[in-house]
Protein backbone atom coordinates (compact mmCIF):
# COMPACT_ATOMS: atom_id res chain seq x y z
CA MET A 1 13.25 9.92 -10.69
CA GLU A 2 13.37 6.69 -8.58
CA ALA A 3 11.16 7.84 -5.69
CA LEU A 4 8.36 8.33 -8.01
CA GLN A 5 5.25 6.44 -8.29
CA ILE A 6 2.89 5.55 -10.46
CA GLY A 7 -0.69 5.58 -8.90
CA GLN A 8 -2.53 5.58 -11.90
CA SER A 9 -5.93 3.85 -11.64
CA SER A 10 -7.73 4.48 -14.73
CA ASP A 11 -8.80 1.16 -16.69
CA ALA A 12 -8.86 3.15 -20.06
CA PHE A 13 -5.50 2.01 -21.14
CA ASP A 14 -2.96 -0.12 -20.61
CA HIS A 15 -0.61 1.10 -17.44
CA ALA A 16 1.99 -1.39 -18.30
CA GLY A 17 4.24 1.23 -20.67
CA ILE A 18 4.27 3.96 -18.06
CA GLU A 19 4.63 1.61 -15.09
CA ALA A 20 7.65 0.02 -17.36
CA ASP A 21 9.27 3.51 -18.37
CA ARG A 22 8.40 6.35 -16.15
CA ASN A 23 9.34 8.96 -18.89
CA LEU A 24 6.07 8.23 -21.18
CA ALA A 25 4.05 10.10 -18.78
CA LEU A 26 6.65 12.28 -16.62
CA PRO A 27 9.52 12.98 -19.08
CA LEU A 28 11.94 14.25 -16.79
CA ASP A 29 14.65 12.09 -17.73
CA ARG A 30 14.32 13.50 -21.23
CA LEU A 31 13.71 17.11 -19.77
CA ARG A 32 17.50 16.68 -17.89
CA GLU A 33 18.92 15.96 -21.06
CA LEU A 34 17.37 18.77 -22.91
CA VAL A 35 18.70 20.71 -20.16
CA GLU A 36 22.60 19.07 -20.53
CA ALA A 37 22.12 19.37 -24.20
CA GLY A 38 21.85 23.27 -23.79
CA MET A 39 17.93 22.91 -25.80
CA VAL A 40 16.42 24.05 -22.44
CA GLY A 41 17.66 26.42 -19.70
CA GLU A 42 16.84 24.86 -16.83
CA ALA A 43 14.21 22.29 -15.55
CA ALA A 44 11.81 23.71 -12.74
CA PRO A 45 12.27 23.58 -9.44
CA ARG A 46 9.26 20.84 -9.03
CA HIS A 47 6.91 19.05 -11.46
CA PHE A 48 3.42 18.20 -11.28
CA SER A 49 1.50 14.94 -11.98
CA ILE A 50 -2.58 14.85 -11.83
CA MET A 51 -5.34 12.13 -11.80
CA GLY A 52 -6.52 13.26 -15.52
CA SER A 53 -9.34 10.71 -15.52
CA LEU A 54 -11.99 13.23 -14.15
CA ILE A 55 -15.39 13.28 -15.17
CA ALA A 56 -16.26 16.32 -13.33
CA PRO A 57 -13.51 18.74 -13.44
CA ALA A 58 -14.67 21.41 -11.31
CA ARG A 59 -12.04 20.74 -8.44
CA LEU A 60 -9.23 21.01 -11.32
CA ILE A 61 -10.94 24.27 -12.58
CA SER A 62 -11.49 25.93 -9.27
CA ASP A 63 -8.65 24.28 -6.78
CA SER A 64 -5.99 22.29 -8.24
CA GLY A 65 -5.65 24.04 -11.68
CA PRO A 66 -4.93 27.60 -10.16
CA GLU A 67 -2.36 26.33 -7.73
CA ILE A 68 -0.44 24.70 -10.07
CA ALA A 69 -0.85 27.69 -12.24
CA ARG A 70 0.33 29.71 -9.32
CA LYS A 71 3.18 27.62 -8.27
CA SER A 72 4.91 27.63 -11.89
CA LYS A 73 4.43 31.26 -11.69
CA LYS A 74 6.42 31.61 -8.47
CA ASP A 75 9.07 29.26 -10.04
CA ALA A 76 9.38 31.50 -12.69
CA VAL A 77 8.51 28.71 -15.53
CA ASP A 78 8.63 29.66 -19.29
CA ALA A 79 6.67 26.58 -20.22
CA VAL A 80 4.70 23.51 -19.43
CA LEU A 81 4.75 20.59 -21.40
CA LEU A 82 1.70 18.11 -20.65
CA ALA A 83 1.81 14.07 -21.52
CA PRO A 84 -1.57 12.68 -21.23
CA VAL A 85 -1.95 9.32 -21.18
CA CYS A 86 -5.76 8.34 -21.01
CA PRO A 87 -8.49 9.78 -23.17
CA PHE A 88 -9.87 11.82 -19.61
CA CYS A 89 -6.14 12.68 -18.95
CA HIS A 90 -6.33 14.88 -22.62
CA GLN A 91 -9.39 17.07 -21.46
CA ALA A 92 -7.87 17.41 -18.02
CA ALA A 93 -4.59 18.83 -19.69
CA GLY A 94 -6.61 20.58 -22.22
CA LEU A 95 -8.47 22.69 -18.67
CA LEU A 96 -5.23 22.53 -17.27
CA GLN A 97 -2.98 24.16 -20.11
CA SER A 98 -6.02 26.93 -20.32
CA ILE A 99 -5.35 27.57 -16.33
CA ILE A 100 -1.96 28.17 -16.66
CA GLU A 101 -1.79 30.25 -19.51
CA GLN A 102 -3.61 32.96 -17.90
CA THR A 103 -1.11 33.58 -15.75
CA GLY A 104 1.14 34.08 -18.72
CA VAL A 105 3.17 30.73 -18.66
CA ALA A 106 3.20 29.04 -22.57
CA THR A 107 2.02 25.14 -22.33
CA VAL A 108 2.05 22.16 -25.09
CA SER A 109 0.28 19.11 -24.41
CA ILE A 110 1.14 16.16 -26.61
CA SER A 111 -2.24 14.85 -27.50
CA LEU A 112 -2.79 11.03 -28.74
CA LEU A 113 -6.74 12.04 -29.11
CA LEU A 114 -7.10 14.81 -31.03
CA ASP A 115 -10.67 14.91 -30.69
CA ILE A 116 -10.98 14.92 -27.29
CA THR A 117 -8.07 17.60 -26.88
CA LYS A 118 -9.57 19.80 -29.46
CA CYS A 119 -12.97 20.01 -27.41
CA VAL A 120 -11.43 21.70 -24.36
CA GLU A 121 -9.36 24.35 -26.74
CA PRO A 122 -6.13 24.20 -25.10
CA PRO A 123 -3.29 26.94 -27.00
CA ARG A 124 -1.02 24.54 -28.15
CA ILE A 125 -1.27 20.50 -29.56
CA LEU A 126 1.55 18.50 -30.50
CA ALA A 127 -0.47 15.94 -31.81
CA VAL A 128 1.32 12.33 -32.19
CA ASP A 129 -0.08 8.78 -33.75
CA LYS A 130 0.55 6.75 -30.82
CA PRO A 131 -1.10 4.21 -28.55
CA VAL A 132 -3.18 5.66 -25.79
CA GLY A 133 -0.51 5.30 -22.52
CA TYR A 134 2.50 6.25 -24.96
CA PRO A 135 2.62 9.53 -25.44
CA LEU A 136 6.44 9.39 -25.67
CA ASP A 137 5.89 5.91 -27.92
CA GLU A 138 8.59 3.04 -27.30
CA LEU A 139 9.95 2.25 -24.03
CA ASN A 140 13.20 3.42 -22.21
CA ASN A 141 13.97 4.89 -25.88
CA ALA A 142 15.59 7.80 -24.73
CA ASP A 143 16.73 9.08 -28.43
CA LEU A 144 13.20 8.15 -29.90
CA GLN A 145 11.69 10.26 -27.05
CA LYS A 146 13.27 13.14 -27.14
CA GLY A 147 12.70 13.32 -31.19
CA ILE A 148 8.87 13.39 -30.19
CA LEU A 149 9.52 16.14 -28.31
CA PRO A 150 8.56 19.52 -29.79
CA PRO A 151 11.71 21.31 -29.64
CA PRO A 152 11.25 23.74 -26.95
CA PRO A 153 11.08 27.62 -29.40
CA LEU A 154 7.49 25.47 -30.14
CA TRP A 155 6.36 25.14 -26.50
CA THR A 156 6.06 29.16 -26.39
CA CYS A 157 5.51 29.64 -30.15
CA PRO A 158 5.23 33.28 -29.25
CA GLN A 159 3.68 33.46 -33.04
CA CYS A 160 1.09 31.22 -32.52
CA GLY A 161 -0.59 33.32 -30.17
CA GLY A 162 -4.38 33.70 -30.13
CA PRO A 163 -6.61 30.57 -31.46
CA MET A 164 -5.49 26.78 -30.88
CA VAL A 165 -2.18 25.64 -32.89
CA LEU A 166 -1.67 22.19 -34.12
CA ILE A 167 1.63 21.00 -34.19
CA GLU A 168 1.86 17.78 -36.07
CA ARG A 169 4.65 15.11 -35.25
CA LEU A 170 4.32 12.90 -38.88
CA ASN A 171 7.31 10.87 -37.35
CA PRO A 172 10.24 12.04 -35.09
CA ILE A 173 12.50 13.77 -36.94
CA GLU A 174 9.33 15.85 -39.43
CA LEU A 175 7.37 18.29 -37.45
CA ARG A 176 5.15 20.66 -39.34
CA LEU A 177 3.70 23.79 -37.79
CA ARG A 178 1.09 25.38 -40.16
CA SER A 179 2.93 27.86 -41.62
CA PRO A 180 1.94 30.32 -41.24
CA PRO A 181 0.41 29.24 -37.74
CA VAL A 182 -3.22 28.22 -39.09
CA PRO A 183 -5.76 27.61 -36.13
CA VAL A 184 -7.28 24.52 -35.81
CA ALA A 185 -11.34 25.21 -35.84
CA ARG A 186 -12.44 25.46 -32.59
CA GLN A 187 -15.83 23.56 -31.63
CA PRO A 188 -18.94 25.49 -31.50
């Protein structure tokens, strides 16, 4: 993780958080801790980070997204967690979710901007009320960050097939999945 370089150039949010704690945008330490705790079987052999501030997402849809999906499938990944940090990142994450899901790999994205996320109709959304740039909230607070992540069964959420499902993180302890799962209304 020390070798990871922050290359975010969007001016749509304050970068101080992800520069001080990379786990806010790419929670590899939190994933490792979930593996060590036995909550996740194992981490994928590789992870991806994309520039989400895309005004024209055609290359993401035709090239980058399908390549990430193929590599995830090849790596036998069961589920992908996306943590967008800026407004356009929410759009890119939702589009990427749909592309990855076409290969049979389940996805869930953390959304700080639910209205933007819902526009691209990703299959599963974890809505959190945190500032843009801070999807996992406080810097270097591992327990709080792990508490914000959805429990791994909701990453795949087999009963959530079909339309988009909203998972609401009300606080680090309380999670509400519309029960029975109620799809979020899709935009026409």
